[in-house]
Amino acid sequence: MRAVTFVLALACACVSQAAEFQKVLFLGNSITLHGPSKKVDWSGNWGMAASAQEKDFVHLVTKALAKKDGTLPDSLIKNIATFERQYAAYDEAALLKEVVPFQADLIVVAIGENVPALATDAAKTQFKGALVKLLTGIKGNGKPTIIVRSCFWANAAKDEMLKQACAEVGGLFVDIGSLGKDEKNFARSERSFKHAGVANHPGDRGMQAIADAIIGVVKEK
């Protein structure tokens, strides 16, 4: 009986160790990372509009992925809003040159909000194809876990294409559309902002909810 218990314990330990991510790549927009901007009265250099760096979803996810000894995984955070706005003509060479050598074993994709309205089937197909191409390039020969989340401000057309692109690269899709329907998740519900666009971003509560949704999928896997 002791031998069986030992074997089971060893197996559990191996599963736990395998679940520890060493390197995490975050690809997103202003919700993921936005530097200081006097134009919109934003002084942070983290996910807009969390009250502090440690309260944006990126750092909350990273903290939740801490190893048993408390060590955090290495992380690389990139704002790819340009890809969102110009996906049809986007040249991913420079981005790939930076992120592929990082060799992430977990990739979190948090985009969609800045993508122009996908009003036609052609636009939908083009956006999905561009994202699949980008993620395929980033994967390279590796086998990272890929997580793609839906838009914070739910958009049926964009979210469906994000979901389909995620499926094509073998990723895990996270639907956070319900979060944007709750006023308590917006930064404007927590404090005052001079710029309405900043106020419309997720606040600390919203950031925590996004992180919880992502971590929930990781744990399920």
Protein backbone atom coordinates (compact mmCIF):
# COMPACT_ATOMS: atom_id res chain seq x y z
CA MET A 1 0.00 0.00 0.00
CA ARG A 2 2.89 2.33 0.84
CA ALA A 3 4.44 1.67 -2.56
CA VAL A 4 1.20 2.59 -4.32
CA THR A 5 0.88 5.77 -2.25
CA PHE A 6 4.47 6.71 -3.08
CA VAL A 7 3.92 6.16 -6.80
CA LEU A 8 0.74 8.26 -6.76
CA ALA A 9 2.49 11.04 -4.84
CA LEU A 10 5.37 11.00 -7.31
CA ALA A 11 2.96 11.16 -10.24
CA CYS A 12 1.15 14.13 -8.71
CA ALA A 13 4.45 15.90 -8.15
CA CYS A 14 5.42 15.40 -11.78
CA VAL A 15 2.09 16.81 -12.96
CA SER A 16 2.53 19.82 -10.70
CA GLN A 17 6.05 20.44 -11.98
CA ALA A 18 4.96 20.07 -15.60
CA ALA A 19 2.29 22.71 -15.00
CA GLU A 20 4.88 25.29 -13.94
CA PHE A 21 5.48 27.77 -16.74
CA GLN A 22 8.98 29.14 -17.11
CA LYS A 23 8.33 31.95 -19.61
CA VAL A 24 5.12 33.83 -20.35
CA LEU A 25 4.55 36.08 -23.36
CA PHE A 26 1.72 38.62 -23.17
CA LEU A 27 0.50 40.14 -26.44
CA GLY A 28 -2.10 42.85 -26.04
CA ASN A 29 -3.09 46.48 -26.30
CA SER A 30 -3.52 49.28 -23.77
CA ILE A 31 -5.30 46.94 -21.34
CA THR A 32 -2.10 44.89 -21.31
CA LEU A 33 0.47 47.70 -21.41
CA HIS A 34 0.36 51.45 -21.98
CA GLY A 35 3.19 53.88 -21.28
CA PRO A 36 2.78 57.38 -19.83
CA SER A 37 0.77 59.78 -21.99
CA LYS A 38 0.06 63.41 -21.10
CA LYS A 39 -2.46 63.49 -23.95
CA VAL A 40 -4.84 61.24 -22.01
CA ASP A 41 -3.54 62.11 -18.53
CA TRP A 42 -2.12 58.63 -17.94
CA SER A 43 1.12 58.34 -15.96
CA GLY A 44 1.37 54.59 -15.57
CA ASN A 45 3.51 52.14 -17.50
CA TRP A 46 1.33 49.08 -17.13
CA GLY A 47 -2.16 47.89 -18.08
CA MET A 48 -4.55 50.82 -18.37
CA ALA A 49 -6.30 51.68 -16.05
CA ALA A 50 -5.17 49.62 -13.07
CA SER A 51 -4.23 51.73 -10.07
CA ALA A 52 -0.78 50.13 -9.84
CA GLN A 53 1.42 47.79 -11.88
CA GLU A 54 0.83 44.84 -9.59
CA LYS A 55 -2.91 45.23 -10.06
CA ASP A 56 -3.08 44.89 -13.84
CA PHE A 57 -4.09 41.49 -15.21
CA VAL A 58 -0.61 40.74 -16.58
CA HIS A 59 1.07 40.96 -13.21
CA LEU A 60 -1.81 39.25 -11.45
CA VAL A 61 -1.55 36.30 -13.85
CA THR A 62 2.23 36.20 -13.48
CA LYS A 63 1.92 36.18 -9.69
CA ALA A 64 -0.66 33.40 -9.82
CA LEU A 65 1.80 31.31 -11.85
CA ALA A 66 4.51 31.52 -9.21
CA LYS A 67 6.40 28.30 -8.63
CA LYS A 68 6.28 26.43 -5.33
CA ASP A 69 9.36 28.29 -4.12
CA GLY A 70 7.71 31.64 -4.91
CA THR A 71 9.77 32.31 -8.03
CA LEU A 72 7.83 34.09 -10.74
CA PRO A 73 8.08 32.96 -14.37
CA ASP A 74 9.97 35.26 -16.72
CA SER A 75 7.59 37.46 -18.68
CA LEU A 76 7.71 39.47 -21.88
CA ILE A 77 4.95 42.03 -22.39
CA LYS A 78 4.27 43.51 -25.82
CA ASN A 79 1.68 46.04 -26.95
CA ILE A 80 0.61 45.01 -30.46
CA ALA A 81 -2.16 47.55 -31.00
CA THR A 82 -0.54 48.31 -34.36
CA PHE A 83 -1.34 44.76 -35.44
CA GLU A 84 -4.95 45.26 -34.38
CA ARG A 85 -5.36 48.43 -36.40
CA GLN A 86 -3.31 47.36 -39.42
CA TYR A 87 -3.53 43.57 -39.44
CA ALA A 88 -4.00 43.40 -43.22
CA ALA A 89 -0.63 45.06 -43.90
CA TYR A 90 1.19 44.20 -40.68
CA ASP A 91 4.81 43.10 -41.02
CA GLU A 92 5.46 40.75 -38.11
CA ALA A 93 9.19 40.32 -38.82
CA ALA A 94 10.38 42.76 -36.14
CA LEU A 95 8.05 41.34 -33.51
CA LEU A 96 9.00 37.75 -34.29
CA LYS A 97 12.69 38.63 -34.11
CA GLU A 98 12.15 39.75 -30.53
CA VAL A 99 9.65 37.25 -29.17
CA VAL A 100 10.60 33.95 -30.84
CA PRO A 101 14.03 33.75 -29.11
CA PHE A 102 12.22 34.27 -25.79
CA GLN A 103 10.76 30.77 -26.27
CA ALA A 104 7.65 31.25 -24.19
CA ASP A 105 5.89 28.13 -22.96
CA LEU A 106 2.73 30.16 -22.30
CA ILE A 107 1.37 32.83 -24.65
CA VAL A 108 -1.52 35.03 -23.55
CA VAL A 109 -3.21 36.98 -26.35
CA ALA A 110 -5.44 39.86 -25.22
CA ILE A 111 -6.45 41.82 -28.31
CA GLY A 112 -9.47 42.77 -30.40
CA GLU A 113 -10.66 46.03 -28.91
CA ASN A 114 -8.77 48.17 -31.45
CA VAL A 115 -9.61 46.05 -34.49
CA PRO A 116 -11.78 48.05 -36.92
CA ALA A 117 -15.35 46.79 -37.24
CA LEU A 118 -15.44 43.48 -39.10
CA ALA A 119 -18.42 44.38 -41.24
CA THR A 120 -17.90 41.85 -44.03
CA ASP A 121 -17.06 38.18 -44.29
CA ALA A 122 -13.89 39.12 -46.14
CA ALA A 123 -12.76 41.34 -43.26
CA LYS A 124 -13.49 38.60 -40.74
CA THR A 125 -11.52 36.03 -42.73
CA GLN A 126 -8.62 38.41 -43.23
CA PHE A 127 -8.36 39.25 -39.53
CA LYS A 128 -8.53 35.60 -38.50
CA GLY A 129 -5.91 34.66 -41.07
CA ALA A 130 -3.55 37.42 -39.95
CA LEU A 131 -3.81 36.33 -36.31
CA VAL A 132 -3.27 32.66 -37.16
CA LYS A 133 -0.20 33.62 -39.18
CA LEU A 134 1.18 35.73 -36.33
CA LEU A 135 0.67 33.06 -33.68
CA THR A 136 2.03 30.32 -35.91
CA GLY A 137 5.16 32.39 -36.44
CA ILE A 138 5.58 33.00 -32.71
CA LYS A 139 5.15 29.30 -31.89
CA GLY A 140 7.96 28.36 -34.24
CA ASN A 141 8.99 24.79 -33.50
CA GLY A 142 7.89 25.02 -29.90
CA LYS A 143 4.72 23.76 -28.26
CA PRO A 144 3.60 26.60 -26.01
CA THR A 145 0.20 26.75 -24.37
CA ILE A 146 -1.72 29.52 -26.11
CA ILE A 147 -4.58 31.38 -24.48
CA VAL A 148 -6.70 33.86 -26.43
CA ARG A 149 -9.29 35.93 -24.62
CA SER A 150 -12.35 37.65 -26.10
CA CYS A 151 -12.77 41.42 -26.08
CA PHE A 152 -13.44 43.18 -22.78
CA TRP A 153 -16.03 45.22 -24.64
CA ALA A 154 -17.86 42.28 -26.20
CA ASN A 155 -18.12 42.26 -30.00
CA ALA A 156 -19.72 39.22 -31.61
CA ALA A 157 -17.86 39.40 -34.93
CA LYS A 158 -14.42 40.04 -33.44
CA ASP A 159 -14.86 37.52 -30.65
CA GLU A 160 -15.90 34.79 -33.06
CA MET A 161 -12.81 35.35 -35.20
CA LEU A 162 -10.59 35.37 -32.13
CA LYS A 163 -12.16 32.09 -31.08
CA GLN A 164 -11.70 30.51 -34.50
CA ALA A 165 -8.08 31.66 -34.79
CA CYS A 166 -7.44 30.27 -31.31
CA ALA A 167 -8.84 26.91 -32.35
CA GLU A 168 -6.68 26.80 -35.49
CA VAL A 169 -3.47 27.13 -33.50
CA GLY A 170 -4.63 24.66 -30.84
CA GLY A 171 -5.15 27.29 -28.18
CA LEU A 172 -7.55 27.75 -25.28
CA PHE A 173 -10.23 30.42 -25.64
CA VAL A 174 -11.40 32.54 -22.71
CA ASP A 175 -14.73 34.37 -23.03
CA ILE A 176 -14.68 37.50 -20.83
CA GLY A 177 -17.54 39.27 -22.63
CA SER A 178 -19.70 39.35 -19.52
CA LEU A 179 -17.14 41.46 -17.66
CA GLY A 180 -17.71 44.51 -19.84
CA LYS A 181 -21.41 44.39 -19.03
CA ASP A 182 -20.79 45.05 -15.34
CA GLU A 183 -20.16 48.72 -14.54
CA LYS A 184 -18.20 47.72 -11.44
CA ASN A 185 -15.45 46.33 -13.67
CA PHE A 186 -14.74 49.72 -15.25
CA ALA A 187 -12.04 52.02 -13.86
CA ARG A 188 -14.52 54.94 -13.76
CA SER A 189 -16.44 53.13 -11.05
CA GLU A 190 -13.37 53.16 -8.80
CA ARG A 191 -11.95 56.65 -9.25
CA SER A 192 -12.18 59.77 -11.40
CA PHE A 193 -10.29 60.23 -14.69
CA LYS A 194 -9.92 63.30 -16.85
CA HIS A 195 -10.03 61.22 -20.03
CA ALA A 196 -13.17 59.20 -20.77
CA GLY A 197 -11.21 56.66 -22.82
CA VAL A 198 -8.99 55.78 -19.86
CA ALA A 199 -12.00 55.62 -17.56
CA ASN A 200 -13.62 53.13 -19.94
CA HIS A 201 -10.83 50.61 -19.33
CA PRO A 202 -11.06 47.88 -16.71
CA GLY A 203 -10.15 49.04 -13.22
CA ASP A 204 -8.62 46.94 -10.45
CA ARG A 205 -11.75 44.83 -10.10
CA GLY A 206 -11.98 44.31 -13.86
CA MET A 207 -8.30 43.44 -14.12
CA GLN A 208 -8.66 40.89 -11.35
CA ALA A 209 -11.65 39.35 -13.12
CA ILE A 210 -9.69 39.06 -16.39
CA ALA A 211 -6.78 37.44 -14.56
CA ASP A 212 -9.09 35.03 -12.76
CA ALA A 213 -10.65 33.95 -16.07
CA ILE A 214 -7.25 33.29 -17.63
CA ILE A 215 -5.88 31.44 -14.61
CA GLY A 216 -9.08 29.41 -14.45
CA VAL A 217 -8.40 28.06 -17.94
CA VAL A 218 -4.77 27.34 -17.08
CA LYS A 219 -5.83 25.32 -14.04
CA GLU A 220 -8.38 23.37 -16.08
CA LYS A 221 -5.65 22.43 -18.54
